[in-house]
Amino acid sequence: YRPASSWNTSYVSWNKRDKNVAWKNAGGDWYDKNGVLQGSTPYATFTIRGSAFPDNRYYELDVTELVKEYTSGKYENTGFLIKARNENNNYIAFYSNECGKETQKPSLNITKKVSSENIPVVPEIIEKITLNATLTGAIDNRLREASPDAVYQDSTFIDLGGINDAGYRDMMGFDLSEFNNTTEVTSANLFLYWYYPAGNTRPDDTIVEVYKPASSWNTSYVSWNKKDKNVAWKNPGGDWYDKNGVSQGDTPYASITLKGSELPDNKYYELDVTELVKEYVSGKYENTGVLIKARTENNNYIAFYSIECGIETQKPKLQLEYLI
């Protein structure tokens, strides 16, 4: 059905369509294909028999007429309201956009016919669809200068900067294997949740920077001195390339500044790593993850939560927007 009005994904519920704004009808207001409010003639329908088992595949609904009404401007695009004709002893579930697997997310396939004297050979084109994905860090490790051979893969935090004349850096990796060189990444942002030093300022600012590790590394063995079992970094603390392709360069792919006078405020901070992720997804470079460090490492120690922190809303995450 066509939702009768716009709705806010941050507040929509059975009773409300926006903050402090109720539906006229609990469970949602809609128009059917004939323009009848709360009508019963859907734009699209299919039947899944009670005797049928879920078979882990896509099912298709022809929403051509509704999408035409939206794209023509006849109606405001208010999305879809999906419901069962009756709601008793017939519960089922489909994967959502947040399921984490591109091959199982809802998808909308649109074919647009074009007619032009200048392009008579092309009867139709497929429009690209913008999709979003949120990935949590598959692996992360701390690098601690004061314990250069120690492996920190299970810490509940990642840290960087410097304290007591010792530096701290981090390695992080995300699985991008579901994307390939046909995927057009339009944005990629790394989110880190800042929580330490709680209630304390720092003598110096912490400029957080992201670089491309120069080679693959092993989460079971990586440390300040080594990238794998019995394999040392060329440079203690990690080998990297900067945005300009310079080994151990100082032009990061992404950077944010946390002032020494600022207190940790228990929220996410964002680093725009679009260019680096594009290089990985396109196949230009092997996906070696990210090396995160502070520009200077003295009197500016801070910590973010790691993938092992145990709380989904505080873990590092990579948010992608891309076209297919």
C-alpha atoms as a PDB file:
ATOM      1  CA  TYR A   1       0.000   0.000   0.000  1.00  0.00           C
ATOM      2  CA  ARG A   2       0.968   3.673  -0.278  1.00  0.00           C
ATOM      3  CA  PRO A   3       1.532   5.344   3.115  1.00  0.00           C
ATOM      4  CA  ALA A   4      -0.889   8.244   3.411  1.00  0.00           C
ATOM      5  CA  SER A   5       1.818  10.630   4.605  1.00  0.00           C
ATOM      6  CA  SER A   6       5.535  10.828   5.238  1.00  0.00           C
ATOM      7  CA  TRP A   7       7.002   9.124   8.307  1.00  0.00           C
ATOM      8  CA  ASN A   8      10.199   9.407  10.315  1.00  0.00           C
ATOM      9  CA  THR A   9      12.353   6.290  10.593  1.00  0.00           C
ATOM     10  CA  SER A  10      13.679   7.490  13.959  1.00  0.00           C
ATOM     11  CA  TYR A  11      10.218   7.604  15.532  1.00  0.00           C
ATOM     12  CA  VAL A  12       7.754   5.567  13.482  1.00  0.00           C
ATOM     13  CA  SER A  13       5.891   2.849  15.394  1.00  0.00           C
ATOM     14  CA  TRP A  14       2.527   1.097  15.445  1.00  0.00           C
ATOM     15  CA  ASN A  15       0.980   4.170  17.050  1.00  0.00           C
ATOM     16  CA  LYS A  16       3.068   7.071  15.692  1.00  0.00           C
ATOM     17  CA  ARG A  17       4.497   8.194  12.351  1.00  0.00           C
ATOM     18  CA  ASP A  18       6.807  10.853  13.811  1.00  0.00           C
ATOM     19  CA  LYS A  19       7.841  12.287  17.151  1.00  0.00           C
ATOM     20  CA  ASN A  20       4.629  13.071  19.033  1.00  0.00           C
ATOM     21  CA  VAL A  21       2.600  12.643  15.806  1.00  0.00           C
ATOM     22  CA  ALA A  22       0.138   9.742  15.855  1.00  0.00           C
ATOM     23  CA  TRP A  23      -1.227   7.820  12.913  1.00  0.00           C
ATOM     24  CA  LYS A  24      -4.946   8.448  12.431  1.00  0.00           C
ATOM     25  CA  ASN A  25      -5.280   4.666  12.440  1.00  0.00           C
ATOM     26  CA  ALA A  26      -3.111   2.593  14.734  1.00  0.00           C
ATOM     27  CA  GLY A  27      -0.867   0.400  12.612  1.00  0.00           C
ATOM     28  CA  GLY A  28      -0.508   3.007   9.860  1.00  0.00           C
ATOM     29  CA  ASP A  29      -2.532   5.108   7.414  1.00  0.00           C
ATOM     30  CA  TRP A  30      -2.494   4.068   3.753  1.00  0.00           C
ATOM     31  CA  TYR A  31      -4.138   4.467   0.381  1.00  0.00           C
ATOM     32  CA  ASP A  32      -4.852   1.465  -1.768  1.00  0.00           C
ATOM     33  CA  LYS A  33      -4.418   1.197  -5.546  1.00  0.00           C
ATOM     34  CA  ASN A  34      -7.832   2.859  -6.081  1.00  0.00           C
ATOM     35  CA  GLY A  35      -6.994   5.800  -3.839  1.00  0.00           C
ATOM     36  CA  VAL A  36      -9.221   4.568  -1.032  1.00  0.00           C
ATOM     37  CA  LEU A  37      -8.024   5.456   2.471  1.00  0.00           C
ATOM     38  CA  GLN A  38      -7.429   2.218   4.416  1.00  0.00           C
ATOM     39  CA  GLY A  39      -8.696   0.404   1.310  1.00  0.00           C
ATOM     40  CA  SER A  40      -8.159  -3.275   0.563  1.00  0.00           C
ATOM     41  CA  THR A  41      -6.987  -3.293  -3.068  1.00  0.00           C
ATOM     42  CA  PRO A  42      -3.199  -3.464  -2.798  1.00  0.00           C
ATOM     43  CA  TYR A  43      -0.722  -2.166  -5.368  1.00  0.00           C
ATOM     44  CA  ALA A  44       0.952  -5.588  -5.285  1.00  0.00           C
ATOM     45  CA  THR A  45       0.351  -8.922  -3.618  1.00  0.00           C
ATOM     46  CA  PHE A  46       1.491 -12.517  -3.473  1.00  0.00           C
ATOM     47  CA  THR A  47       0.471 -15.497  -1.347  1.00  0.00           C
ATOM     48  CA  ILE A  48       2.774 -17.688   0.731  1.00  0.00           C
ATOM     49  CA  ARG A  49       0.803 -20.790   1.664  1.00  0.00           C
ATOM     50  CA  GLY A  50       0.734 -21.894   5.276  1.00  0.00           C
ATOM     51  CA  SER A  51       1.982 -25.315   4.157  1.00  0.00           C
ATOM     52  CA  ALA A  52       5.045 -23.799   2.436  1.00  0.00           C
ATOM     53  CA  PHE A  53       8.403 -23.621   4.197  1.00  0.00           C
ATOM     54  CA  PRO A  54      10.727 -20.600   4.036  1.00  0.00           C
ATOM     55  CA  ASP A  55      13.096 -21.396   1.172  1.00  0.00           C
ATOM     56  CA  ASN A  56      15.688 -18.642   1.660  1.00  0.00           C
ATOM     57  CA  ARG A  57      15.157 -16.884  -1.649  1.00  0.00           C
ATOM     58  CA  TYR A  58      13.720 -13.630  -2.953  1.00  0.00           C
ATOM     59  CA  TYR A  59       9.984 -13.162  -3.585  1.00  0.00           C
ATOM     60  CA  GLU A  60       8.853 -10.482  -6.003  1.00  0.00           C
ATOM     61  CA  LEU A  61       6.139  -7.819  -5.776  1.00  0.00           C
ATOM     62  CA  ASP A  62       5.274  -5.793  -8.891  1.00  0.00           C
ATOM     63  CA  VAL A  63       5.103  -2.192  -7.633  1.00  0.00           C
ATOM     64  CA  THR A  64       5.385  -0.628 -11.096  1.00  0.00           C
ATOM     65  CA  GLU A  65       2.226   1.461 -10.800  1.00  0.00           C
ATOM     66  CA  LEU A  66       3.148   2.892  -7.400  1.00  0.00           C
ATOM     67  CA  VAL A  67       6.702   3.756  -8.446  1.00  0.00           C
ATOM     68  CA  LYS A  68       5.333   5.435 -11.594  1.00  0.00           C
ATOM     69  CA  GLU A  69       3.053   7.566  -9.408  1.00  0.00           C
ATOM     70  CA  TYR A  70       6.054   8.610  -7.335  1.00  0.00           C
ATOM     71  CA  THR A  71       8.476   9.301 -10.170  1.00  0.00           C
ATOM     72  CA  SER A  72       5.858  11.204 -12.196  1.00  0.00           C
ATOM     73  CA  GLY A  73       5.214  13.510  -9.247  1.00  0.00           C
ATOM     74  CA  LYS A  74       1.583  12.454  -8.951  1.00  0.00           C
ATOM     75  CA  TYR A  75       2.169  11.671  -5.277  1.00  0.00           C
ATOM     76  CA  GLU A  76       4.879  12.428  -2.752  1.00  0.00           C
ATOM     77  CA  ASN A  77       7.214   9.445  -2.335  1.00  0.00           C
ATOM     78  CA  THR A  78       6.146   8.058   1.039  1.00  0.00           C
ATOM     79  CA  GLY A  79       7.580   4.590   0.440  1.00  0.00           C
ATOM     80  CA  PHE A  80       5.695   1.379   1.048  1.00  0.00           C
ATOM     81  CA  LEU A  81       3.503  -0.008   3.808  1.00  0.00           C
ATOM     82  CA  ILE A  82       3.726  -3.795   3.754  1.00  0.00           C
ATOM     83  CA  LYS A  83       1.195  -5.894   5.612  1.00  0.00           C
ATOM     84  CA  ALA A  84      -0.624  -9.190   5.483  1.00  0.00           C
ATOM     85  CA  ARG A  85      -4.274  -9.236   4.339  1.00  0.00           C
ATOM     86  CA  ASN A  86      -5.202 -10.864   7.636  1.00  0.00           C
ATOM     87  CA  GLU A  87      -3.044 -10.942  10.733  1.00  0.00           C
ATOM     88  CA  ASN A  88      -3.698 -14.118  12.681  1.00  0.00           C
ATOM     89  CA  ASN A  89      -1.638 -17.334  12.899  1.00  0.00           C
ATOM     90  CA  ASN A  90       0.371 -16.363   9.806  1.00  0.00           C
ATOM     91  CA  TYR A  91       3.549 -14.651  11.051  1.00  0.00           C
ATOM     92  CA  ILE A  92       6.568 -14.613   8.676  1.00  0.00           C
ATOM     93  CA  ALA A  93       9.789 -12.584   8.410  1.00  0.00           C
ATOM     94  CA  PHE A  94      12.081 -11.313   5.647  1.00  0.00           C
ATOM     95  CA  TYR A  95      15.622  -9.970   5.967  1.00  0.00           C
ATOM     96  CA  SER A  96      15.942  -6.193   6.399  1.00  0.00           C
ATOM     97  CA  ASN A  97      18.451  -3.647   5.066  1.00  0.00           C
ATOM     98  CA  GLU A  98      20.427  -4.144   8.282  1.00  0.00           C
ATOM     99  CA  CYS A  99      20.917  -7.909   7.898  1.00  0.00           C
ATOM    100  CA  GLY A 100      24.547  -7.432   6.813  1.00  0.00           C
ATOM    101  CA  LYS A 101      24.434  -9.517   3.615  1.00  0.00           C
ATOM    102  CA  GLU A 102      23.910  -7.752   0.308  1.00  0.00           C
ATOM    103  CA  THR A 103      22.410 -10.871  -1.278  1.00  0.00           C
ATOM    104  CA  GLN A 104      19.611 -10.981   1.300  1.00  0.00           C
ATOM    105  CA  LYS A 105      18.677  -7.292   1.688  1.00  0.00           C
ATOM    106  CA  PRO A 106      15.433  -5.899   0.216  1.00  0.00           C
ATOM    107  CA  SER A 107      16.036  -4.594  -3.308  1.00  0.00           C
ATOM    108  CA  LEU A 108      14.036  -2.478  -5.730  1.00  0.00           C
ATOM    109  CA  ASN A 109      14.749  -3.168  -9.410  1.00  0.00           C
ATOM    110  CA  ILE A 110      13.658  -0.420 -11.795  1.00  0.00           C
ATOM    111  CA  THR A 111      13.672  -0.540 -15.609  1.00  0.00           C
ATOM    112  CA  LYS A 112      13.259   2.822 -17.307  1.00  0.00           C
ATOM    113  CA  LYS A 113      12.278   2.912 -20.971  1.00  0.00           C
ATOM    114  CA  VAL A 114      13.837   5.667 -23.052  1.00  0.00           C
ATOM    115  CA  SER A 115      13.020   6.855 -26.527  1.00  0.00           C
ATOM    116  CA  SER A 116      15.278   9.188 -28.483  1.00  0.00           C
ATOM    117  CA  GLU A 117      16.194   9.704 -32.125  1.00  0.00           C
ATOM    118  CA  ASN A 118      19.774  10.138 -31.013  1.00  0.00           C
ATOM    119  CA  ILE A 119      20.000   6.726 -29.358  1.00  0.00           C
ATOM    120  CA  PRO A 120      17.794   4.402 -31.405  1.00  0.00           C
ATOM    121  CA  VAL A 121      19.871   1.348 -30.518  1.00  0.00           C
ATOM    122  CA  VAL A 122      19.139   1.561 -26.782  1.00  0.00           C
ATOM    123  CA  PRO A 123      15.575   0.479 -25.977  1.00  0.00           C
ATOM    124  CA  GLU A 124      15.960   0.598 -22.208  1.00  0.00           C
ATOM    125  CA  ILE A 125      18.381   1.348 -19.402  1.00  0.00           C
ATOM    126  CA  ILE A 126      18.639   0.073 -15.852  1.00  0.00           C
ATOM    127  CA  GLU A 127      18.803   2.844 -13.302  1.00  0.00           C
ATOM    128  CA  LYS A 128      21.385   2.561 -10.567  1.00  0.00           C
ATOM    129  CA  ILE A 129      20.050   2.193  -7.045  1.00  0.00           C
ATOM    130  CA  THR A 130      21.650   3.822  -4.014  1.00  0.00           C
ATOM    131  CA  LEU A 131      22.110   1.380  -1.126  1.00  0.00           C
ATOM    132  CA  ASN A 132      23.569   1.649   2.347  1.00  0.00           C
ATOM    133  CA  ALA A 133      25.541  -0.835   4.418  1.00  0.00           C
ATOM    134  CA  THR A 134      26.938  -0.707   7.942  1.00  0.00           C
ATOM    135  CA  LEU A 135      29.871  -3.003   8.716  1.00  0.00           C
ATOM    136  CA  THR A 136      31.290  -3.609  12.174  1.00  0.00           C
ATOM    137  CA  GLY A 137      35.031  -4.071  12.452  1.00  0.00           C
ATOM    138  CA  ALA A 138      35.942  -7.655  11.680  1.00  0.00           C
ATOM    139  CA  ILE A 139      39.259  -7.354  13.537  1.00  0.00           C
ATOM    140  CA  ASP A 140      41.150  -4.764  15.538  1.00  0.00           C
ATOM    141  CA  ASN A 141      44.442  -4.770  17.441  1.00  0.00           C
ATOM    142  CA  ARG A 142      46.270  -2.324  19.668  1.00  0.00           C
ATOM    143  CA  LEU A 143      49.952  -1.509  19.110  1.00  0.00           C
ATOM    144  CA  ARG A 144      51.722  -0.465  22.331  1.00  0.00           C
ATOM    145  CA  GLU A 145      55.239   0.955  22.163  1.00  0.00           C
ATOM    146  CA  ALA A 146      55.934   0.215  25.845  1.00  0.00           C
ATOM    147  CA  SER A 147      55.198  -3.500  25.196  1.00  0.00           C
ATOM    148  CA  PRO A 148      56.490  -3.770  21.623  1.00  0.00           C
ATOM    149  CA  ASP A 149      56.125  -7.541  21.269  1.00  0.00           C
ATOM    150  CA  ALA A 150      52.821  -7.955  23.093  1.00  0.00           C
ATOM    151  CA  VAL A 151      49.723  -8.844  21.038  1.00  0.00           C
ATOM    152  CA  TYR A 152      46.515  -7.033  22.011  1.00  0.00           C
ATOM    153  CA  GLN A 153      43.666  -8.536  19.969  1.00  0.00           C
ATOM    154  CA  ASP A 154      41.040  -8.997  22.686  1.00  0.00           C
ATOM    155  CA  SER A 155      41.054  -5.594  24.403  1.00  0.00           C
ATOM    156  CA  THR A 156      37.702  -3.903  24.866  1.00  0.00           C
ATOM    157  CA  PHE A 157      39.238  -0.644  23.664  1.00  0.00           C
ATOM    158  CA  ILE A 158      41.632   0.748  21.070  1.00  0.00           C
ATOM    159  CA  ASP A 159      43.920   3.622  21.990  1.00  0.00           C
ATOM    160  CA  LEU A 160      46.212   6.142  20.385  1.00  0.00           C
ATOM    161  CA  GLY A 161      48.368   9.157  21.126  1.00  0.00           C
ATOM    162  CA  GLY A 162      51.062   9.114  23.772  1.00  0.00           C
ATOM    163  CA  ILE A 163      51.574   9.026  27.529  1.00  0.00           C
ATOM    164  CA  ASN A 164      54.702   8.556  29.656  1.00  0.00           C
ATOM    165  CA  ASP A 165      56.914   8.844  26.549  1.00  0.00           C
ATOM    166  CA  ALA A 166      55.246   5.857  24.849  1.00  0.00           C
ATOM    167  CA  GLY A 167      53.009   5.731  21.787  1.00  0.00           C
ATOM    168  CA  TYR A 168      49.814   3.805  21.004  1.00  0.00           C
ATOM    169  CA  ARG A 169      48.413   2.925  17.577  1.00  0.00           C
ATOM    170  CA  ASP A 170      45.751   0.630  16.173  1.00  0.00           C
ATOM    171  CA  MET A 171      45.141  -1.770  13.307  1.00  0.00           C
ATOM    172  CA  MET A 172      41.598  -2.388  12.074  1.00  0.00           C
ATOM    173  CA  GLY A 173      40.140  -4.451   9.265  1.00  0.00           C
ATOM    174  CA  PHE A 174      36.721  -4.653   7.602  1.00  0.00           C
ATOM    175  CA  ASP A 175      35.481  -7.426   5.303  1.00  0.00           C
ATOM    176  CA  LEU A 176      34.689  -5.826   1.930  1.00  0.00           C
ATOM    177  CA  SER A 177      34.473  -9.102   0.008  1.00  0.00           C
ATOM    178  CA  GLU A 178      30.767  -8.663  -0.781  1.00  0.00           C
ATOM    179  CA  PHE A 179      31.660  -5.608  -2.881  1.00  0.00           C
ATOM    180  CA  ASN A 180      33.614  -5.696  -6.153  1.00  0.00           C
ATOM    181  CA  ASN A 181      34.883  -3.449  -8.912  1.00  0.00           C
ATOM    182  CA  THR A 182      31.344  -3.029 -10.295  1.00  0.00           C
ATOM    183  CA  THR A 183      30.266  -1.432  -7.018  1.00  0.00           C
ATOM    184  CA  GLU A 184      30.412   2.370  -7.158  1.00  0.00           C
ATOM    185  CA  VAL A 185      31.153   3.577  -3.624  1.00  0.00           C
ATOM    186  CA  THR A 186      29.874   7.131  -3.122  1.00  0.00           C
ATOM    187  CA  SER A 187      30.791   7.514   0.550  1.00  0.00           C
ATOM    188  CA  ALA A 188      32.482   5.560   3.332  1.00  0.00           C
ATOM    189  CA  ASN A 189      32.771   6.763   6.906  1.00  0.00           C
ATOM    190  CA  LEU A 190      34.544   5.162   9.841  1.00  0.00           C
ATOM    191  CA  PHE A 191      32.870   5.760  13.215  1.00  0.00           C
ATOM    192  CA  LEU A 192      34.797   5.481  16.507  1.00  0.00           C
ATOM    193  CA  TYR A 193      33.171   5.852  19.944  1.00  0.00           C
ATOM    194  CA  TRP A 194      35.263   8.101  22.249  1.00  0.00           C
ATOM    195  CA  TYR A 195      35.021   7.392  25.979  1.00  0.00           C
ATOM    196  CA  TYR A 196      38.462   7.855  27.638  1.00  0.00           C
ATOM    197  CA  PRO A 197      40.024   9.584  29.592  1.00  0.00           C
ATOM    198  CA  ALA A 198      36.646  10.026  31.251  1.00  0.00           C
ATOM    199  CA  GLY A 199      36.225  13.453  32.821  1.00  0.00           C
ATOM    200  CA  ASN A 200      39.805  14.516  32.111  1.00  0.00           C
ATOM    201  CA  THR A 201      41.400  16.937  29.688  1.00  0.00           C
ATOM    202  CA  ARG A 202      44.815  16.399  28.059  1.00  0.00           C
ATOM    203  CA  PRO A 203      47.811  18.746  27.824  1.00  0.00           C
ATOM    204  CA  ASP A 204      47.875  18.461  24.010  1.00  0.00           C
ATOM    205  CA  ASP A 205      45.373  17.989  21.186  1.00  0.00           C
ATOM    206  CA  THR A 206      44.911  14.549  19.685  1.00  0.00           C
ATOM    207  CA  ILE A 207      44.831  14.626  15.879  1.00  0.00           C
ATOM    208  CA  VAL A 208      43.450  11.241  14.842  1.00  0.00           C
ATOM    209  CA  GLU A 209      44.720  10.078  11.433  1.00  0.00           C
ATOM    210  CA  VAL A 210      43.993   7.120   9.144  1.00  0.00           C
ATOM    211  CA  TYR A 211      46.585   5.515   6.844  1.00  0.00           C
ATOM    212  CA  LYS A 212      46.725   2.456   4.568  1.00  0.00           C
ATOM    213  CA  PRO A 213      48.817  -0.398   6.035  1.00  0.00           C
ATOM    214  CA  ALA A 214      51.618  -1.174   3.584  1.00  0.00           C
ATOM    215  CA  SER A 215      50.974  -4.911   3.701  1.00  0.00           C
ATOM    216  CA  SER A 216      48.650  -7.491   5.210  1.00  0.00           C
ATOM    217  CA  TRP A 217      48.976  -8.291   8.909  1.00  0.00           C
ATOM    218  CA  ASN A 218      47.902 -11.118  11.181  1.00  0.00           C
ATOM    219  CA  THR A 219      45.540 -10.266  14.030  1.00  0.00           C
ATOM    220  CA  SER A 220      46.927 -13.196  16.080  1.00  0.00           C
ATOM    221  CA  TYR A 221      50.489 -11.870  15.983  1.00  0.00           C
ATOM    222  CA  VAL A 222      50.520  -8.164  15.103  1.00  0.00           C
ATOM    223  CA  SER A 223      52.279  -5.909  17.609  1.00  0.00           C
ATOM    224  CA  TRP A 224      54.321  -2.709  17.718  1.00  0.00           C
ATOM    225  CA  ASN A 225      57.321  -4.641  16.346  1.00  0.00           C
ATOM    226  CA  LYS A 226      55.747  -7.359  14.208  1.00  0.00           C
ATOM    227  CA  LYS A 227      53.050  -7.715  11.540  1.00  0.00           C
ATOM    228  CA  ASP A 228      52.950 -11.525  11.626  1.00  0.00           C
ATOM    229  CA  LYS A 229      54.568 -14.456  13.396  1.00  0.00           C
ATOM    230  CA  ASN A 230      58.337 -13.888  13.210  1.00  0.00           C
ATOM    231  CA  VAL A 231      57.827 -11.153  10.583  1.00  0.00           C
ATOM    232  CA  ALA A 232      58.844  -7.671  11.689  1.00  0.00           C
ATOM    233  CA  TRP A 233      57.535  -4.362  10.451  1.00  0.00           C
ATOM    234  CA  LYS A 234      60.186  -2.433   8.536  1.00  0.00           C
ATOM    235  CA  ASN A 235      59.339   0.441  10.857  1.00  0.00           C
ATOM    236  CA  PRO A 236      58.425  -0.285  14.502  1.00  0.00           C
ATOM    237  CA  GLY A 237      54.857   0.857  15.090  1.00  0.00           C
ATOM    238  CA  GLY A 238      53.711  -0.181  11.617  1.00  0.00           C
ATOM    239  CA  ASP A 239      54.401   0.423   7.922  1.00  0.00           C
ATOM    240  CA  TRP A 240      51.903   2.561   6.021  1.00  0.00           C
ATOM    241  CA  TYR A 241      51.227   4.563   2.889  1.00  0.00           C
ATOM    242  CA  ASP A 242      49.619   7.970   3.048  1.00  0.00           C
ATOM    243  CA  LYS A 243      46.960   9.378   0.716  1.00  0.00           C
ATOM    244  CA  ASN A 244      49.634  10.380  -1.807  1.00  0.00           C
ATOM    245  CA  GLY A 245      51.178   6.896  -1.873  1.00  0.00           C
ATOM    246  CA  VAL A 246      54.203   7.969   0.174  1.00  0.00           C
ATOM    247  CA  SER A 247      55.674   5.310   2.485  1.00  0.00           C
ATOM    248  CA  GLN A 248      55.475   6.555   6.095  1.00  0.00           C
ATOM    249  CA  GLY A 249      54.025   9.788   4.674  1.00  0.00           C
ATOM    250  CA  ASP A 250      52.083  12.340   6.692  1.00  0.00           C
ATOM    251  CA  THR A 251      49.078  13.108   4.474  1.00  0.00           C
ATOM    252  CA  PRO A 252      46.336  10.939   5.991  1.00  0.00           C
ATOM    253  CA  TYR A 253      43.316   9.554   4.164  1.00  0.00           C
ATOM    254  CA  ALA A 254      41.176  11.004   6.964  1.00  0.00           C
ATOM    255  CA  SER A 255      41.711  13.118  10.053  1.00  0.00           C
ATOM    256  CA  ILE A 256      39.831  14.659  12.971  1.00  0.00           C
ATOM    257  CA  THR A 257      41.091  16.812  15.843  1.00  0.00           C
ATOM    258  CA  LEU A 258      40.024  16.234  19.454  1.00  0.00           C
ATOM    259  CA  LYS A 259      41.097  19.270  21.426  1.00  0.00           C
ATOM    260  CA  GLY A 260      43.055  18.655  24.621  1.00  0.00           C
ATOM    261  CA  SER A 261      40.514  20.835  26.428  1.00  0.00           C
ATOM    262  CA  GLU A 262      37.611  18.614  25.310  1.00  0.00           C
ATOM    263  CA  LEU A 263      36.231  15.883  27.526  1.00  0.00           C
ATOM    264  CA  PRO A 264      35.231  12.476  26.132  1.00  0.00           C
ATOM    265  CA  ASP A 265      31.497  12.753  25.482  1.00  0.00           C
ATOM    266  CA  ASN A 266      30.600   9.099  24.852  1.00  0.00           C
ATOM    267  CA  LYS A 267      29.558   9.450  21.238  1.00  0.00           C
ATOM    268  CA  TYR A 268      30.747   8.460  17.780  1.00  0.00           C
ATOM    269  CA  TYR A 269      33.309  10.508  15.865  1.00  0.00           C
ATOM    270  CA  GLU A 270      33.433  10.215  12.097  1.00  0.00           C
ATOM    271  CA  LEU A 271      36.355   9.826   9.691  1.00  0.00           C
ATOM    272  CA  ASP A 272      35.727  10.100   5.946  1.00  0.00           C
ATOM    273  CA  VAL A 273      37.602   7.150   4.415  1.00  0.00           C
ATOM    274  CA  THR A 274      35.761   7.204   1.071  1.00  0.00           C
ATOM    275  CA  GLU A 275      38.909   7.404  -1.051  1.00  0.00           C
ATOM    276  CA  LEU A 276      40.625   4.501   0.718  1.00  0.00           C
ATOM    277  CA  VAL A 277      37.567   2.238   0.530  1.00  0.00           C
ATOM    278  CA  LYS A 278      37.173   3.086  -3.174  1.00  0.00           C
ATOM    279  CA  GLU A 279      40.771   1.972  -3.736  1.00  0.00           C
ATOM    280  CA  TYR A 280      40.059  -1.334  -1.999  1.00  0.00           C
ATOM    281  CA  VAL A 281      36.705  -2.083  -3.633  1.00  0.00           C
ATOM    282  CA  SER A 282      37.958  -1.165  -7.116  1.00  0.00           C
ATOM    283  CA  GLY A 283      40.861  -3.587  -6.729  1.00  0.00           C
ATOM    284  CA  LYS A 284      43.475  -0.857  -7.045  1.00  0.00           C
ATOM    285  CA  TYR A 285      45.030  -2.040  -3.782  1.00  0.00           C
ATOM    286  CA  GLU A 286      44.742  -5.131  -1.611  1.00  0.00           C
ATOM    287  CA  ASN A 287      42.424  -4.523   1.348  1.00  0.00           C
ATOM    288  CA  THR A 288      44.891  -4.219   4.232  1.00  0.00           C
ATOM    289  CA  GLY A 289      42.496  -2.355   6.525  1.00  0.00           C
ATOM    290  CA  VAL A 290      43.438   0.857   8.305  1.00  0.00           C
ATOM    291  CA  LEU A 291      46.245   2.007  10.565  1.00  0.00           C
ATOM    292  CA  ILE A 292      45.006   4.603  13.052  1.00  0.00           C
ATOM    293  CA  LYS A 293      47.447   6.858  14.881  1.00  0.00           C
ATOM    294  CA  ALA A 294      47.792  10.341  16.319  1.00  0.00           C
ATOM    295  CA  ARG A 295      49.833  12.899  14.398  1.00  0.00           C
ATOM    296  CA  THR A 296      51.953  13.464  17.512  1.00  0.00           C
ATOM    297  CA  GLU A 297      52.239  10.989  20.364  1.00  0.00           C
ATOM    298  CA  ASN A 298      52.888  12.924  23.557  1.00  0.00           C
ATOM    299  CA  ASN A 299      50.546  13.935  26.391  1.00  0.00           C
ATOM    300  CA  ASN A 300      47.469  13.242  24.261  1.00  0.00           C
ATOM    301  CA  TYR A 301      46.427   9.656  25.026  1.00  0.00           C
ATOM    302  CA  ILE A 302      42.787   8.749  24.265  1.00  0.00           C
ATOM    303  CA  ALA A 303      40.783   5.547  23.824  1.00  0.00           C
ATOM    304  CA  PHE A 304      37.798   4.408  21.781  1.00  0.00           C
ATOM    305  CA  TYR A 305      35.739   1.261  22.253  1.00  0.00           C
ATOM    306  CA  SER A 306      36.844  -1.764  20.202  1.00  0.00           C
ATOM    307  CA  ILE A 307      34.930  -4.525  18.435  1.00  0.00           C
ATOM    308  CA  GLU A 308      35.313  -6.576  21.631  1.00  0.00           C
ATOM    309  CA  CYS A 309      33.551  -4.019  23.861  1.00  0.00           C
ATOM    310  CA  GLY A 310      30.357  -6.097  23.892  1.00  0.00           C
ATOM    311  CA  ILE A 311      27.933  -3.259  23.129  1.00  0.00           C
ATOM    312  CA  GLU A 312      26.760  -2.962  19.523  1.00  0.00           C
ATOM    313  CA  THR A 313      26.027   0.761  19.800  1.00  0.00           C
ATOM    314  CA  GLN A 314      29.638   1.502  20.789  1.00  0.00           C
ATOM    315  CA  LYS A 315      31.651  -0.741  18.449  1.00  0.00           C
ATOM    316  CA  PRO A 316      33.675   0.690  15.552  1.00  0.00           C
ATOM    317  CA  LYS A 317      31.629   0.676  12.367  1.00  0.00           C
ATOM    318  CA  LEU A 318      32.065   1.456   8.693  1.00  0.00           C
ATOM    319  CA  GLN A 319      29.075   2.981   6.920  1.00  0.00           C
ATOM    320  CA  LEU A 320      28.984   2.708   3.133  1.00  0.00           C
ATOM    321  CA  GLU A 321      26.777   4.307   0.527  1.00  0.00           C
ATOM    322  CA  TYR A 322      27.084   2.800  -2.931  1.00  0.00           C
ATOM    323  CA  LEU A 323      25.389   2.388  -6.290  1.00  0.00           C
ATOM    324  CA  ILE A 324      24.494  -0.835  -8.060  1.00  0.00           C
END
